[in-house]
Amino acid sequence: MNDSTAPPVRIRLYYDFASTLCYVAHRVLTSVETEVAELGVEIEWCPIDLTEAVPWDRGDSFADEVRTSVRNTALTLGVDVEMPDPWLDSRPASQIALKTGSLASEAQWRAAVFRSIFEHGEHLLSDDLLDLARELIGEDNFAQAFGDVEASGPFPIVEQNTEDAMALGVNGVPTLLLDDWLLGGVFDGESMLSILAQLAEQYRDLGHSAVN
């Protein structure tokens, strides 16, 4: 049972908007977000550019067996989704996510981008998403930080965040950062709640309130 007076335990989750399995993790965790909150846990979704850590690049396509494997994993977790082709450039969306400034704003942006890519089949930032970005981070901040966010770069905030994640040992997504321990992969809601509950209890026993 969570002590409602205790500060929340914040656990980081590294993801890439281009990753189908990250979309699946988003769907799974969204379905149990009330239960996660009841555990006294906050999940800090932290986007990176996975192409910096893997042997493929933006614009690459994948063999049918890879796409089938990803689809089967998603179906096992109750998510019917096809892997987009080719691998998308997630950096503009990630740059905005990293500038949202709050967990709630990031969650709103993440849900909208994932919905656009994996449910509506849009491979670039739509006008509606750009309008949402301006709303979430402010028109002036948007113009100053991004200009034309559909340009090819540079995206220094995403690049730095990716470098920091790789220095911690992140080499895939989705990956949970649990203090100094990394846990990669996609799990069902019940398993995720069990993992998060155990971690929250351990951290509170040690007097911690966040994962850094």
N, C-alpha and C. Protein backbone atom coordinates (compact mmCIF):
# COMPACT_ATOMS: atom_id res chain seq x y z
N MET A 1 0.85 -1.19 0.00
CA MET A 1 0.00 0.00 0.00
C MET A 1 0.88 1.25 0.00
N ASN A 2 0.58 2.19 -0.88
CA ASN A 2 1.37 3.40 -0.99
C ASN A 2 0.99 4.39 0.10
N ASP A 3 1.99 4.98 0.72
CA ASP A 3 1.78 6.06 1.68
C ASP A 3 1.54 7.34 0.90
N SER A 4 0.31 7.88 0.97
CA SER A 4 -0.06 9.03 0.16
C SER A 4 0.72 10.28 0.54
N THR A 5 1.37 10.27 1.73
CA THR A 5 2.14 11.44 2.15
C THR A 5 3.58 11.38 1.64
N ALA A 6 3.99 10.24 1.13
CA ALA A 6 5.36 10.09 0.64
C ALA A 6 5.51 10.76 -0.71
N PRO A 7 6.70 11.31 -0.98
CA PRO A 7 6.92 11.91 -2.30
C PRO A 7 6.90 10.83 -3.38
N PRO A 8 6.50 11.17 -4.59
CA PRO A 8 6.46 10.17 -5.65
C PRO A 8 7.84 9.69 -6.04
N VAL A 9 7.92 8.45 -6.45
CA VAL A 9 9.14 7.89 -6.99
C VAL A 9 9.10 8.12 -8.50
N ARG A 10 10.08 8.83 -9.02
CA ARG A 10 10.11 9.11 -10.45
C ARG A 10 11.10 8.17 -11.14
N ILE A 11 10.62 7.44 -12.10
CA ILE A 11 11.43 6.47 -12.85
C ILE A 11 11.45 6.90 -14.31
N ARG A 12 12.64 6.93 -14.88
CA ARG A 12 12.78 7.38 -16.26
C ARG A 12 12.58 6.24 -17.24
N LEU A 13 11.95 6.56 -18.37
CA LEU A 13 11.77 5.59 -19.44
C LEU A 13 12.26 6.21 -20.74
N TYR A 14 13.32 5.64 -21.31
CA TYR A 14 13.86 6.13 -22.57
C TYR A 14 13.08 5.51 -23.72
N TYR A 15 12.77 6.35 -24.72
CA TYR A 15 11.99 5.88 -25.86
C TYR A 15 12.38 6.64 -27.11
N ASP A 16 11.90 6.14 -28.26
CA ASP A 16 12.08 6.81 -29.54
C ASP A 16 10.72 6.80 -30.24
N PHE A 17 10.28 7.95 -30.72
CA PHE A 17 8.98 8.03 -31.38
C PHE A 17 8.89 7.12 -32.60
N ALA A 18 10.03 6.78 -33.21
CA ALA A 18 10.02 5.93 -34.40
C ALA A 18 9.83 4.46 -34.06
N SER A 19 9.97 4.09 -32.81
CA SER A 19 9.95 2.69 -32.40
C SER A 19 8.53 2.18 -32.16
N THR A 20 8.18 1.13 -32.88
CA THR A 20 6.86 0.51 -32.71
C THR A 20 6.71 -0.05 -31.30
N LEU A 21 7.78 -0.65 -30.77
CA LEU A 21 7.70 -1.23 -29.43
C LEU A 21 7.57 -0.15 -28.36
N CYS A 22 8.08 1.04 -28.63
CA CYS A 22 7.86 2.16 -27.69
C CYS A 22 6.40 2.59 -27.72
N TYR A 23 5.80 2.57 -28.90
CA TYR A 23 4.37 2.85 -28.98
C TYR A 23 3.58 1.82 -28.19
N VAL A 24 3.98 0.55 -28.30
CA VAL A 24 3.31 -0.50 -27.53
C VAL A 24 3.47 -0.25 -26.03
N ALA A 25 4.68 0.10 -25.61
CA ALA A 25 4.91 0.40 -24.19
C ALA A 25 4.05 1.58 -23.74
N HIS A 26 3.93 2.58 -24.60
CA HIS A 26 3.07 3.73 -24.31
C HIS A 26 1.62 3.27 -24.11
N ARG A 27 1.14 2.41 -24.99
CA ARG A 27 -0.23 1.93 -24.88
C ARG A 27 -0.43 1.12 -23.60
N VAL A 28 0.52 0.25 -23.29
CA VAL A 28 0.41 -0.58 -22.10
C VAL A 28 0.39 0.28 -20.84
N LEU A 29 1.33 1.20 -20.74
CA LEU A 29 1.42 2.02 -19.53
C LEU A 29 0.27 3.02 -19.43
N THR A 30 -0.22 3.50 -20.55
CA THR A 30 -1.39 4.37 -20.52
C THR A 30 -2.60 3.63 -19.97
N SER A 31 -2.71 2.35 -20.29
CA SER A 31 -3.86 1.56 -19.85
C SER A 31 -3.86 1.32 -18.34
N VAL A 32 -2.69 1.48 -17.70
CA VAL A 32 -2.60 1.26 -16.26
C VAL A 32 -2.11 2.51 -15.54
N GLU A 33 -2.29 3.69 -16.15
CA GLU A 33 -1.72 4.89 -15.56
C GLU A 33 -2.35 5.23 -14.20
N THR A 34 -3.63 4.89 -14.01
CA THR A 34 -4.26 5.13 -12.71
C THR A 34 -3.59 4.28 -11.64
N GLU A 35 -3.35 3.01 -11.96
CA GLU A 35 -2.71 2.11 -11.01
C GLU A 35 -1.27 2.53 -10.73
N VAL A 36 -0.56 3.03 -11.76
CA VAL A 36 0.81 3.52 -11.56
C VAL A 36 0.80 4.69 -10.58
N ALA A 37 -0.14 5.61 -10.76
CA ALA A 37 -0.23 6.76 -9.86
C ALA A 37 -0.54 6.32 -8.44
N GLU A 38 -1.39 5.31 -8.30
CA GLU A 38 -1.74 4.81 -6.96
C GLU A 38 -0.53 4.19 -6.26
N LEU A 39 0.44 3.74 -7.04
CA LEU A 39 1.68 3.21 -6.46
C LEU A 39 2.59 4.32 -5.95
N GLY A 40 2.25 5.56 -6.29
CA GLY A 40 3.13 6.67 -5.95
C GLY A 40 4.32 6.76 -6.86
N VAL A 41 4.14 6.37 -8.13
CA VAL A 41 5.21 6.37 -9.11
C VAL A 41 4.89 7.37 -10.21
N GLU A 42 5.90 8.12 -10.61
CA GLU A 42 5.84 8.99 -11.78
C GLU A 42 6.82 8.46 -12.81
N ILE A 43 6.36 8.31 -14.04
CA ILE A 43 7.25 7.87 -15.11
C ILE A 43 7.64 9.07 -15.94
N GLU A 44 8.93 9.29 -16.03
CA GLU A 44 9.47 10.39 -16.83
C GLU A 44 9.89 9.83 -18.19
N TRP A 45 9.06 10.07 -19.20
CA TRP A 45 9.35 9.60 -20.56
C TRP A 45 10.40 10.52 -21.17
N CYS A 46 11.50 9.91 -21.63
CA CYS A 46 12.65 10.69 -22.06
C CYS A 46 13.07 10.23 -23.46
N PRO A 47 12.82 11.04 -24.51
CA PRO A 47 13.09 10.59 -25.87
C PRO A 47 14.56 10.69 -26.26
N ILE A 48 15.01 9.73 -27.07
CA ILE A 48 16.36 9.75 -27.62
C ILE A 48 16.28 9.40 -29.10
N ASP A 49 17.40 9.58 -29.78
CA ASP A 49 17.53 9.19 -31.19
C ASP A 49 18.21 7.83 -31.23
N LEU A 50 17.43 6.78 -31.37
CA LEU A 50 17.96 5.43 -31.29
C LEU A 50 18.97 5.13 -32.38
N THR A 51 18.91 5.83 -33.50
CA THR A 51 19.84 5.52 -34.60
C THR A 51 21.29 5.78 -34.22
N GLU A 52 21.51 6.53 -33.14
CA GLU A 52 22.88 6.76 -32.67
C GLU A 52 23.46 5.54 -31.96
N ALA A 53 22.59 4.59 -31.60
CA ALA A 53 23.06 3.45 -30.80
C ALA A 53 22.88 2.11 -31.50
N VAL A 54 22.32 2.10 -32.71
CA VAL A 54 22.01 0.84 -33.40
C VAL A 54 22.56 0.87 -34.83
N PRO A 55 22.68 -0.29 -35.47
CA PRO A 55 23.26 -0.34 -36.83
C PRO A 55 22.26 -0.08 -37.94
N TRP A 56 21.39 0.89 -37.78
CA TRP A 56 20.53 1.34 -38.88
C TRP A 56 20.34 2.84 -38.74
N ASP A 57 19.82 3.45 -39.78
CA ASP A 57 19.70 4.90 -39.81
C ASP A 57 18.30 5.31 -40.22
N ARG A 58 18.02 6.58 -40.06
CA ARG A 58 16.75 7.13 -40.51
C ARG A 58 16.57 6.86 -41.99
N GLY A 59 15.39 6.40 -42.37
CA GLY A 59 15.12 6.10 -43.77
C GLY A 59 15.37 4.66 -44.15
N ASP A 60 15.96 3.87 -43.26
CA ASP A 60 16.21 2.45 -43.54
C ASP A 60 14.92 1.65 -43.45
N SER A 61 14.82 0.60 -44.27
CA SER A 61 13.69 -0.33 -44.21
C SER A 61 14.13 -1.62 -43.55
N PHE A 62 13.14 -2.45 -43.16
CA PHE A 62 13.42 -3.68 -42.44
C PHE A 62 12.81 -4.87 -43.18
N ALA A 63 13.46 -6.01 -43.01
CA ALA A 63 12.99 -7.24 -43.65
C ALA A 63 11.63 -7.64 -43.09
N ASP A 64 10.89 -8.41 -43.89
CA ASP A 64 9.55 -8.83 -43.48
C ASP A 64 9.57 -9.61 -42.18
N GLU A 65 10.62 -10.42 -41.94
CA GLU A 65 10.66 -11.21 -40.71
C GLU A 65 10.79 -10.32 -39.47
N VAL A 66 11.51 -9.20 -39.61
CA VAL A 66 11.63 -8.26 -38.50
C VAL A 66 10.28 -7.60 -38.23
N ARG A 67 9.62 -7.17 -39.27
CA ARG A 67 8.32 -6.52 -39.13
C ARG A 67 7.29 -7.48 -38.53
N THR A 68 7.36 -8.75 -38.95
CA THR A 68 6.43 -9.74 -38.42
C THR A 68 6.70 -10.01 -36.95
N SER A 69 7.98 -10.07 -36.57
CA SER A 69 8.33 -10.29 -35.17
C SER A 69 7.83 -9.17 -34.28
N VAL A 70 8.00 -7.93 -34.73
CA VAL A 70 7.53 -6.78 -33.96
C VAL A 70 6.01 -6.81 -33.83
N ARG A 71 5.34 -7.10 -34.93
CA ARG A 71 3.88 -7.16 -34.92
C ARG A 71 3.39 -8.25 -33.96
N ASN A 72 4.04 -9.41 -33.97
CA ASN A 72 3.62 -10.50 -33.09
C ASN A 72 3.83 -10.14 -31.63
N THR A 73 4.92 -9.46 -31.33
CA THR A 73 5.16 -9.01 -29.95
C THR A 73 4.06 -8.04 -29.52
N ALA A 74 3.71 -7.11 -30.40
CA ALA A 74 2.66 -6.14 -30.08
C ALA A 74 1.33 -6.84 -29.85
N LEU A 75 1.00 -7.80 -30.71
CA LEU A 75 -0.27 -8.51 -30.57
C LEU A 75 -0.33 -9.28 -29.26
N THR A 76 0.81 -9.85 -28.85
CA THR A 76 0.86 -10.56 -27.57
C THR A 76 0.49 -9.65 -26.41
N LEU A 77 0.79 -8.37 -26.56
CA LEU A 77 0.50 -7.40 -25.51
C LEU A 77 -0.80 -6.64 -25.77
N GLY A 78 -1.58 -7.13 -26.73
CA GLY A 78 -2.91 -6.58 -26.96
C GLY A 78 -2.95 -5.33 -27.83
N VAL A 79 -1.88 -5.09 -28.58
CA VAL A 79 -1.83 -3.89 -29.44
C VAL A 79 -1.69 -4.34 -30.89
N ASP A 80 -2.66 -4.00 -31.71
CA ASP A 80 -2.67 -4.36 -33.13
C ASP A 80 -2.06 -3.20 -33.91
N VAL A 81 -0.80 -3.35 -34.33
CA VAL A 81 -0.11 -2.24 -34.98
C VAL A 81 0.90 -2.79 -35.99
N GLU A 82 1.09 -2.05 -37.07
CA GLU A 82 2.10 -2.38 -38.07
C GLU A 82 3.31 -1.47 -37.88
N MET A 83 4.49 -2.03 -38.10
CA MET A 83 5.72 -1.26 -38.02
C MET A 83 5.82 -0.33 -39.24
N PRO A 84 5.94 0.99 -39.03
CA PRO A 84 6.05 1.91 -40.16
C PRO A 84 7.30 1.61 -40.99
N ASP A 85 7.24 1.93 -42.25
CA ASP A 85 8.38 1.74 -43.14
C ASP A 85 8.52 2.98 -44.01
N PRO A 86 9.68 3.64 -44.04
CA PRO A 86 10.93 3.26 -43.38
C PRO A 86 11.00 3.78 -41.95
N TRP A 87 12.19 3.61 -41.31
CA TRP A 87 12.41 4.15 -39.97
C TRP A 87 12.36 5.67 -40.04
N LEU A 88 11.52 6.26 -39.22
CA LEU A 88 11.25 7.69 -39.31
C LEU A 88 12.29 8.54 -38.58
N ASP A 89 12.37 9.79 -38.97
CA ASP A 89 13.22 10.75 -38.26
C ASP A 89 12.40 11.31 -37.10
N SER A 90 12.71 10.84 -35.92
CA SER A 90 11.92 11.21 -34.73
C SER A 90 12.44 12.47 -34.05
N ARG A 91 13.56 13.01 -34.53
CA ARG A 91 14.23 14.10 -33.79
C ARG A 91 13.38 15.36 -33.62
N PRO A 92 12.65 15.82 -34.65
CA PRO A 92 11.83 17.02 -34.41
C PRO A 92 10.80 16.83 -33.30
N ALA A 93 10.10 15.68 -33.31
CA ALA A 93 9.11 15.41 -32.27
C ALA A 93 9.77 15.28 -30.91
N SER A 94 10.95 14.67 -30.88
CA SER A 94 11.66 14.49 -29.61
C SER A 94 12.14 15.82 -29.06
N GLN A 95 12.60 16.70 -29.94
CA GLN A 95 13.07 18.01 -29.50
C GLN A 95 11.94 18.77 -28.80
N ILE A 96 10.76 18.67 -29.36
CA ILE A 96 9.62 19.33 -28.73
C ILE A 96 9.28 18.68 -27.40
N ALA A 97 9.29 17.34 -27.35
CA ALA A 97 8.98 16.64 -26.11
C ALA A 97 9.92 17.06 -24.98
N LEU A 98 11.18 17.27 -25.32
CA LEU A 98 12.16 17.64 -24.30
C LEU A 98 12.03 19.10 -23.85
N LYS A 99 11.22 19.88 -24.57
CA LYS A 99 11.00 21.27 -24.19
C LYS A 99 9.65 21.51 -23.55
N THR A 100 8.85 20.46 -23.35
CA THR A 100 7.50 20.66 -22.83
C THR A 100 7.49 21.15 -21.39
N GLY A 101 8.46 20.74 -20.59
CA GLY A 101 8.60 21.33 -19.27
C GLY A 101 7.81 20.69 -18.15
N SER A 102 6.94 19.73 -18.45
CA SER A 102 6.19 19.06 -17.39
C SER A 102 5.81 17.67 -17.86
N LEU A 103 5.58 16.77 -16.91
CA LEU A 103 5.18 15.42 -17.26
C LEU A 103 3.84 15.42 -17.99
N ALA A 104 2.93 16.30 -17.57
CA ALA A 104 1.60 16.33 -18.19
C ALA A 104 1.67 16.81 -19.63
N SER A 105 2.45 17.86 -19.89
CA SER A 105 2.57 18.36 -21.26
C SER A 105 3.29 17.36 -22.15
N GLU A 106 4.32 16.71 -21.60
CA GLU A 106 5.02 15.69 -22.39
C GLU A 106 4.07 14.55 -22.73
N ALA A 107 3.25 14.16 -21.78
CA ALA A 107 2.30 13.06 -22.01
C ALA A 107 1.31 13.43 -23.10
N GLN A 108 0.85 14.67 -23.10
CA GLN A 108 -0.10 15.12 -24.13
C GLN A 108 0.57 15.10 -25.50
N TRP A 109 1.80 15.58 -25.57
CA TRP A 109 2.54 15.59 -26.83
C TRP A 109 2.84 14.16 -27.30
N ARG A 110 3.31 13.33 -26.39
CA ARG A 110 3.65 11.94 -26.76
C ARG A 110 2.45 11.20 -27.30
N ALA A 111 1.31 11.34 -26.64
CA ALA A 111 0.10 10.66 -27.09
C ALA A 111 -0.30 11.12 -28.49
N ALA A 112 -0.20 12.43 -28.73
CA ALA A 112 -0.60 12.97 -30.03
C ALA A 112 0.34 12.50 -31.14
N VAL A 113 1.64 12.49 -30.87
CA VAL A 113 2.60 12.06 -31.89
C VAL A 113 2.47 10.57 -32.18
N PHE A 114 2.40 9.76 -31.14
CA PHE A 114 2.24 8.32 -31.35
C PHE A 114 0.94 8.02 -32.11
N ARG A 115 -0.12 8.71 -31.76
CA ARG A 115 -1.39 8.50 -32.45
C ARG A 115 -1.27 8.86 -33.93
N SER A 116 -0.58 9.96 -34.21
CA SER A 116 -0.41 10.40 -35.59
C SER A 116 0.37 9.38 -36.41
N ILE A 117 1.46 8.85 -35.83
CA ILE A 117 2.32 7.92 -36.57
C ILE A 117 1.69 6.55 -36.70
N PHE A 118 1.26 5.98 -35.57
CA PHE A 118 0.89 4.57 -35.56
C PHE A 118 -0.59 4.29 -35.76
N GLU A 119 -1.42 5.32 -35.61
CA GLU A 119 -2.86 5.12 -35.80
C GLU A 119 -3.38 5.82 -37.06
N HIS A 120 -2.72 6.93 -37.43
CA HIS A 120 -3.16 7.67 -38.61
C HIS A 120 -2.21 7.53 -39.79
N GLY A 121 -1.05 6.92 -39.56
CA GLY A 121 -0.11 6.68 -40.65
C GLY A 121 0.56 7.91 -41.20
N GLU A 122 0.70 8.96 -40.39
CA GLU A 122 1.37 10.18 -40.84
C GLU A 122 2.84 10.12 -40.46
N HIS A 123 3.71 10.31 -41.43
CA HIS A 123 5.15 10.14 -41.21
C HIS A 123 5.88 11.44 -40.90
N LEU A 124 5.23 12.57 -41.02
CA LEU A 124 5.83 13.86 -40.71
C LEU A 124 4.94 14.60 -39.73
N LEU A 125 5.49 15.64 -39.13
CA LEU A 125 4.69 16.43 -38.21
C LEU A 125 3.60 17.15 -38.98
N SER A 126 2.36 16.89 -38.64
CA SER A 126 1.23 17.52 -39.32
C SER A 126 1.05 18.95 -38.81
N ASP A 127 0.24 19.72 -39.53
CA ASP A 127 -0.06 21.08 -39.09
C ASP A 127 -0.71 21.07 -37.70
N ASP A 128 -1.56 20.07 -37.46
CA ASP A 128 -2.21 19.98 -36.14
C ASP A 128 -1.18 19.75 -35.04
N LEU A 129 -0.19 18.91 -35.31
CA LEU A 129 0.84 18.66 -34.30
C LEU A 129 1.70 19.89 -34.08
N LEU A 130 2.02 20.61 -35.14
CA LEU A 130 2.80 21.83 -34.98
C LEU A 130 2.03 22.87 -34.16
N ASP A 131 0.74 22.95 -34.38
CA ASP A 131 -0.08 23.86 -33.58
C ASP A 131 -0.08 23.45 -32.11
N LEU A 132 -0.15 22.14 -31.86
CA LEU A 132 -0.11 21.66 -30.49
C LEU A 132 1.23 21.97 -29.85
N ALA A 133 2.31 21.82 -30.61
CA ALA A 133 3.63 22.13 -30.08
C ALA A 133 3.72 23.58 -29.65
N ARG A 134 3.22 24.47 -30.47
CA ARG A 134 3.24 25.90 -30.12
C ARG A 134 2.42 26.16 -28.87
N GLU A 135 1.31 25.44 -28.74
CA GLU A 135 0.46 25.61 -27.56
C GLU A 135 1.16 25.13 -26.29
N LEU A 136 1.88 24.02 -26.40
CA LEU A 136 2.48 23.41 -25.22
C LEU A 136 3.75 24.12 -24.76
N ILE A 137 4.55 24.63 -25.71
CA ILE A 137 5.82 25.24 -25.31
C ILE A 137 5.85 26.75 -25.54
N GLY A 138 4.81 27.28 -26.15
CA GLY A 138 4.73 28.72 -26.37
C GLY A 138 5.27 29.11 -27.73
N GLU A 139 4.59 30.04 -28.38
CA GLU A 139 4.96 30.46 -29.74
C GLU A 139 6.38 31.00 -29.80
N ASP A 140 6.74 31.87 -28.87
CA ASP A 140 8.08 32.46 -28.90
C ASP A 140 9.15 31.40 -28.69
N ASN A 141 8.92 30.53 -27.71
CA ASN A 141 9.88 29.46 -27.43
C ASN A 141 10.00 28.52 -28.63
N PHE A 142 8.88 28.24 -29.26
CA PHE A 142 8.88 27.37 -30.43
C PHE A 142 9.72 27.97 -31.54
N ALA A 143 9.48 29.24 -31.84
CA ALA A 143 10.20 29.90 -32.93
C ALA A 143 11.69 30.01 -32.63
N GLN A 144 12.03 30.32 -31.38
CA GLN A 144 13.42 30.50 -31.00
C GLN A 144 14.18 29.18 -31.00
N ALA A 145 13.53 28.14 -30.50
CA ALA A 145 14.22 26.87 -30.32
C ALA A 145 14.24 26.01 -31.56
N PHE A 146 13.21 26.13 -32.42
CA PHE A 146 13.08 25.17 -33.50
C PHE A 146 13.06 25.78 -34.90
N GLY A 147 12.48 26.98 -35.03
CA GLY A 147 12.32 27.49 -36.38
C GLY A 147 11.47 26.52 -37.18
N ASP A 148 12.02 26.04 -38.29
CA ASP A 148 11.32 25.04 -39.11
C ASP A 148 11.67 23.67 -38.55
N VAL A 149 10.78 23.08 -37.73
CA VAL A 149 11.10 21.81 -37.08
C VAL A 149 11.07 20.64 -38.02
N GLU A 150 10.62 20.85 -39.26
CA GLU A 150 10.64 19.78 -40.23
C GLU A 150 11.96 19.75 -41.01
N ALA A 151 12.86 20.68 -40.70
CA ALA A 151 14.17 20.67 -41.34
C ALA A 151 14.98 19.48 -40.85
N SER A 152 16.10 19.24 -41.47
CA SER A 152 16.89 18.05 -41.17
C SER A 152 17.75 18.19 -39.93
N GLY A 153 17.72 19.31 -39.30
CA GLY A 153 18.49 19.47 -38.07
C GLY A 153 19.18 20.83 -38.05
N PRO A 154 20.07 21.06 -37.10
CA PRO A 154 20.45 20.13 -36.03
C PRO A 154 19.43 20.13 -34.89
N PHE A 155 19.54 19.13 -34.05
CA PHE A 155 18.64 18.97 -32.91
C PHE A 155 19.50 18.76 -31.67
N PRO A 156 20.14 19.83 -31.17
CA PRO A 156 21.14 19.68 -30.11
C PRO A 156 20.60 19.10 -28.81
N ILE A 157 19.35 19.42 -28.47
CA ILE A 157 18.81 18.90 -27.21
C ILE A 157 18.66 17.38 -27.30
N VAL A 158 18.15 16.91 -28.42
CA VAL A 158 17.99 15.46 -28.62
C VAL A 158 19.36 14.78 -28.65
N GLU A 159 20.30 15.40 -29.35
CA GLU A 159 21.64 14.81 -29.44
C GLU A 159 22.29 14.68 -28.07
N GLN A 160 22.17 15.72 -27.25
CA GLN A 160 22.76 15.67 -25.92
C GLN A 160 22.07 14.63 -25.05
N ASN A 161 20.74 14.59 -25.14
CA ASN A 161 19.99 13.61 -24.35
C ASN A 161 20.37 12.19 -24.74
N THR A 162 20.57 11.98 -26.04
CA THR A 162 20.97 10.66 -26.52
C THR A 162 22.36 10.29 -26.03
N GLU A 163 23.27 11.24 -26.09
CA GLU A 163 24.63 10.99 -25.59
C GLU A 163 24.60 10.64 -24.11
N ASP A 164 23.83 11.37 -23.33
CA ASP A 164 23.73 11.11 -21.90
C ASP A 164 23.17 9.72 -21.64
N ALA A 165 22.14 9.33 -22.40
CA ALA A 165 21.53 8.01 -22.22
C ALA A 165 22.52 6.91 -22.57
N MET A 166 23.25 7.08 -23.67
CA MET A 166 24.22 6.06 -24.07
C MET A 166 25.36 5.93 -23.06
N ALA A 167 25.72 7.05 -22.44
CA ALA A 167 26.77 7.01 -21.41
C ALA A 167 26.32 6.18 -20.20
N LEU A 168 25.01 6.11 -19.98
CA LEU A 168 24.47 5.30 -18.89
C LEU A 168 24.33 3.83 -19.28
N GLY A 169 24.54 3.53 -20.57
CA GLY A 169 24.43 2.16 -21.04
C GLY A 169 23.18 1.85 -21.83
N VAL A 170 22.38 2.87 -22.13
CA VAL A 170 21.17 2.65 -22.92
C VAL A 170 21.57 2.34 -24.36
N ASN A 171 21.15 1.18 -24.87
CA ASN A 171 21.45 0.82 -26.26
C ASN A 171 20.23 0.28 -26.99
N GLY A 172 19.07 0.52 -26.42
CA GLY A 172 17.82 0.10 -27.03
C GLY A 172 16.66 0.79 -26.35
N VAL A 173 15.49 0.69 -26.96
CA VAL A 173 14.28 1.27 -26.38
C VAL A 173 13.12 0.30 -26.57
N PRO A 174 12.14 0.36 -25.67
CA PRO A 174 12.08 1.18 -24.45
C PRO A 174 12.99 0.62 -23.37
N THR A 175 13.56 1.51 -22.57
CA THR A 175 14.43 1.12 -21.47
C THR A 175 14.09 1.93 -20.23
N LEU A 176 13.84 1.24 -19.15
CA LEU A 176 13.63 1.90 -17.86
C LEU A 176 14.96 2.11 -17.17
N LEU A 177 15.15 3.30 -16.61
CA LEU A 177 16.31 3.58 -15.77
C LEU A 177 15.87 3.44 -14.33
N LEU A 178 16.40 2.43 -13.68
CA LEU A 178 16.04 2.12 -12.30
C LEU A 178 17.26 2.37 -11.42
N ASP A 179 17.39 3.61 -10.95
CA ASP A 179 18.56 4.04 -10.21
C ASP A 179 19.78 3.87 -11.10
N ASP A 180 20.66 2.90 -10.83
CA ASP A 180 21.80 2.67 -11.71
C ASP A 180 21.63 1.36 -12.50
N TRP A 181 20.40 0.87 -12.60
CA TRP A 181 20.11 -0.39 -13.29
C TRP A 181 19.16 -0.13 -14.44
N LEU A 182 19.48 -0.69 -15.61
CA LEU A 182 18.67 -0.51 -16.80
C LEU A 182 17.86 -1.77 -17.07
N LEU A 183 16.60 -1.59 -17.41
CA LEU A 183 15.72 -2.70 -17.75
C LEU A 183 15.07 -2.41 -19.09
N GLY A 184 15.46 -3.15 -20.12
CA GLY A 184 14.92 -2.94 -21.45
C GLY A 184 13.85 -3.94 -21.80
N GLY A 185 12.97 -3.56 -22.71
CA GLY A 185 11.94 -4.47 -23.19
C GLY A 185 10.54 -3.98 -22.94
N VAL A 186 9.58 -4.72 -23.49
CA VAL A 186 8.17 -4.39 -23.37
C VAL A 186 7.48 -5.47 -22.55
N PHE A 187 6.67 -5.07 -21.59
CA PHE A 187 6.00 -6.00 -20.70
C PHE A 187 4.51 -5.70 -20.66
N ASP A 188 3.74 -6.67 -20.21
CA ASP A 188 2.31 -6.43 -20.06
C ASP A 188 2.05 -5.55 -18.83
N GLY A 189 0.84 -5.04 -18.73
CA GLY A 189 0.51 -4.11 -17.67
C GLY A 189 0.70 -4.67 -16.28
N GLU A 190 0.29 -5.91 -16.07
CA GLU A 190 0.43 -6.52 -14.75
C GLU A 190 1.89 -6.64 -14.35
N SER A 191 2.74 -7.04 -15.31
CA SER A 191 4.17 -7.16 -15.02
C SER A 191 4.78 -5.80 -14.72
N MET A 192 4.39 -4.79 -15.50
CA MET A 192 4.91 -3.45 -15.26
C MET A 192 4.54 -2.95 -13.87
N LEU A 193 3.31 -3.16 -13.47
CA LEU A 193 2.87 -2.71 -12.15
C LEU A 193 3.63 -3.42 -11.05
N SER A 194 3.89 -4.71 -11.24
CA SER A 194 4.64 -5.47 -10.24
C SER A 194 6.06 -4.94 -10.12
N ILE A 195 6.71 -4.67 -11.25
CA ILE A 195 8.07 -4.14 -11.24
C ILE A 195 8.11 -2.78 -10.56
N LEU A 196 7.20 -1.90 -10.95
CA LEU A 196 7.20 -0.55 -10.41
C LEU A 196 6.88 -0.54 -8.91
N ALA A 197 5.98 -1.42 -8.48
CA ALA A 197 5.63 -1.49 -7.06
C ALA A 197 6.83 -1.91 -6.22
N GLN A 198 7.55 -2.91 -6.69
CA GLN A 198 8.73 -3.38 -5.94
C GLN A 198 9.80 -2.30 -5.87
N LEU A 199 10.01 -1.62 -7.01
CA LEU A 199 11.03 -0.57 -7.03
C LEU A 199 10.66 0.58 -6.10
N ALA A 200 9.41 1.01 -6.16
CA ALA A 200 8.98 2.12 -5.31
C ALA A 200 9.18 1.79 -3.84
N GLU A 201 8.84 0.57 -3.47
CA GLU A 201 9.00 0.15 -2.07
C GLU A 201 10.47 0.16 -1.67
N GLN A 202 11.32 -0.37 -2.54
CA GLN A 202 12.75 -0.42 -2.23
C GLN A 202 13.34 0.98 -2.10
N TYR A 203 12.97 1.88 -3.03
CA TYR A 203 13.52 3.22 -2.98
C TYR A 203 13.08 3.96 -1.73
N ARG A 204 11.84 3.77 -1.33
CA ARG A 204 11.36 4.45 -0.12
C ARG A 204 12.04 3.89 1.12
N ASP A 205 12.28 2.59 1.10
CA ASP A 205 12.98 1.97 2.24
C ASP A 205 14.38 2.55 2.39
N LEU A 206 14.98 2.95 1.25
CA LEU A 206 16.32 3.52 1.25
C LEU A 206 16.32 5.03 1.41
N GLY A 207 15.11 5.61 1.50
CA GLY A 207 15.00 7.04 1.66
C GLY A 207 15.11 7.82 0.38
N HIS A 208 15.01 7.14 -0.78
CA HIS A 208 15.08 7.82 -2.06
C HIS A 208 13.68 8.23 -2.52
N SER A 209 13.63 9.20 -3.44
CA SER A 209 12.35 9.59 -4.01
C SER A 209 12.41 9.72 -5.51
N ALA A 210 13.56 9.46 -6.10
CA ALA A 210 13.68 9.61 -7.56
C ALA A 210 14.76 8.71 -8.09
N VAL A 211 14.67 8.43 -9.37
CA VAL A 211 15.71 7.68 -10.07
C VAL A 211 16.48 8.66 -10.92
N ASN A 212 17.79 8.73 -10.73
CA ASN A 212 18.61 9.70 -11.44
C ASN A 212 19.57 8.98 -12.39
